[in-house]
Amino acid sequence: MRIILVILAVAGLSLTSQAAQTGQAKPPAPAKPAAPAKPVAPAPIAAAFKTAYPNATILHVSKETAKGKTVYEVESTDAGRRRDLMYNPDGTVISFEEELSESDVPAAVMTALKARYPKASITRRERLVEGTNASIELGIKGAAVSEVVLTPDGKWITPKEKGK
């Protein structure tokens, strides 16, 4: 009986070895790709962001250098709207820009735009805030420029030329 078991064991090893050599062995299952890592902001920035925007989702965090200082940009969405913020390492906001709906654009801005570029249509609307200064940036088409920046009360800051 022992001899039969030894013969079966040797035969089993031989078959397994032959199958592996001929490529008939079952290859190992491919590793599942790792889930993309969630963006992580430094603790003071994460806390400030979560306090200010509790329902927002962080899409991307990047460490940058601006004017020789380290800053962090946090790209996010909140209720379907895009918002990008620049933070100091201590969690204080330097500036932010957020997507606006058509109804969010002040009437004075729309009046000024239509007076200067009557045939222009708006492709993008954003509010830019740096410190106490706010402006409205509009991407436009059908005009000599592709972007304009105005104060919320409709005063022109700059129209930027196409391609610049």
C-alpha atoms as a PDB file:
ATOM      1  CA  MET A   1       0.000   0.000   0.000  1.00  0.00           C
ATOM      2  CA  ARG A   2       2.881   2.329   0.806  1.00  0.00           C
ATOM      3  CA  ILE A   3       4.389   1.709  -2.564  1.00  0.00           C
ATOM      4  CA  ILE A   4       1.152   2.679  -4.296  1.00  0.00           C
ATOM      5  CA  LEU A   5       0.967   5.950  -2.328  1.00  0.00           C
ATOM      6  CA  VAL A   6       4.582   6.779  -3.173  1.00  0.00           C
ATOM      7  CA  ILE A   7       3.980   6.030  -6.855  1.00  0.00           C
ATOM      8  CA  LEU A   8       0.854   8.217  -6.882  1.00  0.00           C
ATOM      9  CA  ALA A   9       2.655  11.062  -5.127  1.00  0.00           C
ATOM     10  CA  VAL A  10       5.612  10.911  -7.549  1.00  0.00           C
ATOM     11  CA  ALA A  11       3.240  10.725 -10.519  1.00  0.00           C
ATOM     12  CA  GLY A  12       1.294  13.736  -9.225  1.00  0.00           C
ATOM     13  CA  LEU A  13       4.469  15.793  -8.861  1.00  0.00           C
ATOM     14  CA  SER A  14       5.576  14.740 -12.311  1.00  0.00           C
ATOM     15  CA  LEU A  15       2.267  15.796 -13.893  1.00  0.00           C
ATOM     16  CA  THR A  16       2.333  19.147 -12.100  1.00  0.00           C
ATOM     17  CA  SER A  17       5.901  19.741 -13.246  1.00  0.00           C
ATOM     18  CA  GLN A  18       5.057  18.808 -16.855  1.00  0.00           C
ATOM     19  CA  ALA A  19       1.993  21.070 -16.892  1.00  0.00           C
ATOM     20  CA  ALA A  20       4.047  23.987 -15.624  1.00  0.00           C
ATOM     21  CA  GLN A  21       6.702  23.411 -18.307  1.00  0.00           C
ATOM     22  CA  THR A  22       4.169  23.227 -21.116  1.00  0.00           C
ATOM     23  CA  GLY A  23       2.331  26.334 -19.977  1.00  0.00           C
ATOM     24  CA  GLN A  24      -0.772  24.453 -18.962  1.00  0.00           C
ATOM     25  CA  ALA A  25      -0.483  25.372 -15.328  1.00  0.00           C
ATOM     26  CA  LYS A  26      -2.992  27.885 -14.122  1.00  0.00           C
ATOM     27  CA  PRO A  27      -1.241  31.263 -13.901  1.00  0.00           C
ATOM     28  CA  PRO A  28      -1.633  33.244 -10.707  1.00  0.00           C
ATOM     29  CA  ALA A  29      -4.553  35.655 -10.682  1.00  0.00           C
ATOM     30  CA  PRO A  30      -3.540  39.201 -11.662  1.00  0.00           C
ATOM     31  CA  ALA A  31      -3.273  41.614  -8.786  1.00  0.00           C
ATOM     32  CA  LYS A  32      -6.148  44.053  -8.527  1.00  0.00           C
ATOM     33  CA  PRO A  33      -5.067  47.655  -9.118  1.00  0.00           C
ATOM     34  CA  ALA A  34      -4.885  49.667  -5.939  1.00  0.00           C
ATOM     35  CA  ALA A  35      -7.631  52.222  -5.426  1.00  0.00           C
ATOM     36  CA  PRO A  36      -6.386  55.746  -6.112  1.00  0.00           C
ATOM     37  CA  ALA A  37      -5.185  57.426  -2.950  1.00  0.00           C
ATOM     38  CA  LYS A  38      -7.398  60.166  -1.590  1.00  0.00           C
ATOM     39  CA  PRO A  39      -5.735  63.583  -1.710  1.00  0.00           C
ATOM     40  CA  VAL A  40      -4.360  64.536   1.674  1.00  0.00           C
ATOM     41  CA  ALA A  41      -3.872  68.101   2.853  1.00  0.00           C
ATOM     42  CA  PRO A  42      -1.738  68.993   5.873  1.00  0.00           C
ATOM     43  CA  ALA A  43      -3.816  68.858   9.078  1.00  0.00           C
ATOM     44  CA  PRO A  44      -4.309  72.642   9.554  1.00  0.00           C
ATOM     45  CA  ILE A  45      -5.485  73.013   5.951  1.00  0.00           C
ATOM     46  CA  ALA A  46      -7.738  69.951   6.084  1.00  0.00           C
ATOM     47  CA  ALA A  47      -9.362  71.253   9.287  1.00  0.00           C
ATOM     48  CA  ALA A  48      -9.885  74.767   7.882  1.00  0.00           C
ATOM     49  CA  PHE A  49     -11.318  73.373   4.643  1.00  0.00           C
ATOM     50  CA  LYS A  50     -13.686  70.961   6.396  1.00  0.00           C
ATOM     51  CA  THR A  51     -14.923  73.736   8.709  1.00  0.00           C
ATOM     52  CA  ALA A  52     -15.577  76.158   5.846  1.00  0.00           C
ATOM     53  CA  TYR A  53     -16.953  73.604   3.361  1.00  0.00           C
ATOM     54  CA  PRO A  54     -18.326  70.581   5.283  1.00  0.00           C
ATOM     55  CA  ASN A  55     -20.080  69.058   2.246  1.00  0.00           C
ATOM     56  CA  ALA A  56     -17.301  69.635  -0.307  1.00  0.00           C
ATOM     57  CA  THR A  57     -15.101  66.923  -1.783  1.00  0.00           C
ATOM     58  CA  ILE A  58     -11.363  67.458  -2.188  1.00  0.00           C
ATOM     59  CA  LEU A  59     -10.268  66.420  -5.676  1.00  0.00           C
ATOM     60  CA  HIS A  60      -6.585  67.310  -5.590  1.00  0.00           C
ATOM     61  CA  VAL A  61      -4.040  68.877  -3.230  1.00  0.00           C
ATOM     62  CA  SER A  62      -0.741  70.262  -4.446  1.00  0.00           C
ATOM     63  CA  LYS A  63       2.185  71.874  -2.679  1.00  0.00           C
ATOM     64  CA  GLU A  64       3.514  74.889  -4.560  1.00  0.00           C
ATOM     65  CA  THR A  65       5.877  77.805  -4.149  1.00  0.00           C
ATOM     66  CA  ALA A  66       4.487  81.316  -4.672  1.00  0.00           C
ATOM     67  CA  LYS A  67       6.653  84.382  -4.180  1.00  0.00           C
ATOM     68  CA  GLY A  68       9.245  82.194  -2.432  1.00  0.00           C
ATOM     69  CA  LYS A  69       6.748  80.799   0.103  1.00  0.00           C
ATOM     70  CA  THR A  70       5.212  77.341   0.374  1.00  0.00           C
ATOM     71  CA  VAL A  71       1.483  77.295  -0.306  1.00  0.00           C
ATOM     72  CA  TYR A  72      -1.075  74.563  -0.897  1.00  0.00           C
ATOM     73  CA  GLU A  73      -3.732  74.506  -3.579  1.00  0.00           C
ATOM     74  CA  VAL A  74      -6.877  72.535  -2.802  1.00  0.00           C
ATOM     75  CA  GLU A  75      -9.119  71.751  -5.763  1.00  0.00           C
ATOM     76  CA  SER A  76     -12.627  70.741  -4.771  1.00  0.00           C
ATOM     77  CA  THR A  77     -16.255  70.438  -5.743  1.00  0.00           C
ATOM     78  CA  ASP A  78     -19.250  71.395  -3.672  1.00  0.00           C
ATOM     79  CA  ALA A  79     -22.795  70.687  -4.844  1.00  0.00           C
ATOM     80  CA  GLY A  80     -21.492  70.271  -8.395  1.00  0.00           C
ATOM     81  CA  ARG A  81     -19.513  73.522  -8.411  1.00  0.00           C
ATOM     82  CA  ARG A  82     -15.749  73.712  -8.710  1.00  0.00           C
ATOM     83  CA  ARG A  83     -13.797  75.656  -6.069  1.00  0.00           C
ATOM     84  CA  ASP A  84     -10.008  76.091  -5.846  1.00  0.00           C
ATOM     85  CA  LEU A  85      -8.367  77.515  -2.727  1.00  0.00           C
ATOM     86  CA  MET A  86      -4.817  78.602  -1.933  1.00  0.00           C
ATOM     87  CA  TYR A  87      -3.764  78.103   1.693  1.00  0.00           C
ATOM     88  CA  ASN A  88      -0.783  79.018   3.814  1.00  0.00           C
ATOM     89  CA  PRO A  89       0.688  75.993   5.659  1.00  0.00           C
ATOM     90  CA  ASP A  90      -1.063  77.170   8.867  1.00  0.00           C
ATOM     91  CA  GLY A  91      -4.505  76.809   7.231  1.00  0.00           C
ATOM     92  CA  THR A  92      -5.242  80.476   6.494  1.00  0.00           C
ATOM     93  CA  VAL A  93      -6.796  81.152   3.110  1.00  0.00           C
ATOM     94  CA  ILE A  94      -4.745  83.241   0.704  1.00  0.00           C
ATOM     95  CA  SER A  95      -7.222  83.273  -2.166  1.00  0.00           C
ATOM     96  CA  PHE A  96      -9.966  81.250  -3.781  1.00  0.00           C
ATOM     97  CA  GLU A  97     -11.881  81.015  -6.994  1.00  0.00           C
ATOM     98  CA  GLU A  98     -15.234  79.401  -7.400  1.00  0.00           C
ATOM     99  CA  GLU A  99     -17.484  78.590 -10.285  1.00  0.00           C
ATOM    100  CA  LEU A 100     -20.623  80.723 -10.545  1.00  0.00           C
ATOM    101  CA  SER A 101     -24.007  80.022 -12.038  1.00  0.00           C
ATOM    102  CA  GLU A 102     -25.527  82.482 -14.482  1.00  0.00           C
ATOM    103  CA  SER A 103     -27.750  83.919 -11.748  1.00  0.00           C
ATOM    104  CA  ASP A 104     -24.730  84.452  -9.438  1.00  0.00           C
ATOM    105  CA  VAL A 105     -23.118  86.974 -11.805  1.00  0.00           C
ATOM    106  CA  PRO A 106     -23.976  90.508 -10.618  1.00  0.00           C
ATOM    107  CA  ALA A 107     -26.267  92.480 -12.935  1.00  0.00           C
ATOM    108  CA  ALA A 108     -23.705  95.330 -13.098  1.00  0.00           C
ATOM    109  CA  VAL A 109     -21.132  92.891 -14.541  1.00  0.00           C
ATOM    110  CA  MET A 110     -23.560  91.659 -17.180  1.00  0.00           C
ATOM    111  CA  THR A 111     -24.507  95.230 -18.127  1.00  0.00           C
ATOM    112  CA  ALA A 112     -20.838  96.236 -18.524  1.00  0.00           C
ATOM    113  CA  LEU A 113     -20.057  93.121 -20.565  1.00  0.00           C
ATOM    114  CA  LYS A 114     -23.000  93.605 -22.950  1.00  0.00           C
ATOM    115  CA  ALA A 115     -22.145  97.309 -23.387  1.00  0.00           C
ATOM    116  CA  ARG A 116     -18.554  96.540 -24.466  1.00  0.00           C
ATOM    117  CA  TYR A 117     -19.079  93.160 -26.176  1.00  0.00           C
ATOM    118  CA  PRO A 118     -22.742  92.981 -27.254  1.00  0.00           C
ATOM    119  CA  LYS A 119     -22.301  89.770 -29.282  1.00  0.00           C
ATOM    120  CA  ALA A 120     -20.265  87.895 -26.669  1.00  0.00           C
ATOM    121  CA  SER A 121     -21.519  84.712 -25.062  1.00  0.00           C
ATOM    122  CA  ILE A 122     -20.193  83.504 -21.721  1.00  0.00           C
ATOM    123  CA  THR A 123     -18.360  80.180 -21.567  1.00  0.00           C
ATOM    124  CA  ARG A 124     -17.100  80.329 -17.966  1.00  0.00           C
ATOM    125  CA  ARG A 125     -18.004  82.299 -14.807  1.00  0.00           C
ATOM    126  CA  GLU A 126     -15.814  82.535 -11.701  1.00  0.00           C
ATOM    127  CA  ARG A 127     -15.542  84.651  -8.579  1.00  0.00           C
ATOM    128  CA  LEU A 128     -11.955  85.376  -7.535  1.00  0.00           C
ATOM    129  CA  VAL A 129     -11.255  86.502  -3.971  1.00  0.00           C
ATOM    130  CA  GLU A 130      -7.858  87.501  -2.607  1.00  0.00           C
ATOM    131  CA  GLY A 131      -7.962  89.097   0.818  1.00  0.00           C
ATOM    132  CA  THR A 132     -10.732  91.695   0.664  1.00  0.00           C
ATOM    133  CA  ASN A 133     -10.553  92.082  -3.129  1.00  0.00           C
ATOM    134  CA  ALA A 134     -13.154  90.278  -5.192  1.00  0.00           C
ATOM    135  CA  SER A 135     -13.539  90.118  -8.943  1.00  0.00           C
ATOM    136  CA  ILE A 136     -15.612  88.304 -11.523  1.00  0.00           C
ATOM    137  CA  GLU A 137     -13.768  86.500 -14.314  1.00  0.00           C
ATOM    138  CA  LEU A 138     -15.702  85.565 -17.420  1.00  0.00           C
ATOM    139  CA  GLY A 139     -14.559  83.398 -20.291  1.00  0.00           C
ATOM    140  CA  ILE A 140     -16.257  84.660 -23.440  1.00  0.00           C
ATOM    141  CA  LYS A 141     -16.524  83.884 -27.132  1.00  0.00           C
ATOM    142  CA  GLY A 142     -17.741  85.994 -30.020  1.00  0.00           C
ATOM    143  CA  ALA A 143     -15.581  88.969 -29.008  1.00  0.00           C
ATOM    144  CA  ALA A 144     -12.073  90.279 -29.646  1.00  0.00           C
ATOM    145  CA  VAL A 145     -10.970  88.835 -26.286  1.00  0.00           C
ATOM    146  CA  SER A 146     -11.416  85.434 -24.663  1.00  0.00           C
ATOM    147  CA  GLU A 147     -11.532  86.516 -21.024  1.00  0.00           C
ATOM    148  CA  VAL A 148     -12.542  89.585 -19.049  1.00  0.00           C
ATOM    149  CA  VAL A 149     -12.213  90.509 -15.383  1.00  0.00           C
ATOM    150  CA  LEU A 150     -14.509  93.025 -13.682  1.00  0.00           C
ATOM    151  CA  THR A 151     -15.240  94.116 -10.142  1.00  0.00           C
ATOM    152  CA  PRO A 152     -18.603  92.937  -8.758  1.00  0.00           C
ATOM    153  CA  ASP A 153     -19.956  96.465  -9.352  1.00  0.00           C
ATOM    154  CA  GLY A 154     -19.129  96.262 -13.095  1.00  0.00           C
ATOM    155  CA  LYS A 155     -15.844  98.202 -13.307  1.00  0.00           C
ATOM    156  CA  TRP A 156     -13.331  96.831 -15.813  1.00  0.00           C
ATOM    157  CA  ILE A 157     -10.101  95.339 -14.467  1.00  0.00           C
ATOM    158  CA  THR A 158      -8.864  93.850 -17.694  1.00  0.00           C
ATOM    159  CA  PRO A 159      -9.906  92.121 -20.863  1.00  0.00           C
ATOM    160  CA  LYS A 160      -7.186  89.572 -21.712  1.00  0.00           C
ATOM    161  CA  GLU A 161      -6.363  89.122 -25.386  1.00  0.00           C
ATOM    162  CA  LYS A 162      -6.951  85.746 -27.060  1.00  0.00           C
ATOM    163  CA  GLY A 163      -3.936  83.458 -26.880  1.00  0.00           C
ATOM    164  CA  LYS A 164      -2.350  85.239 -23.909  1.00  0.00           C
END
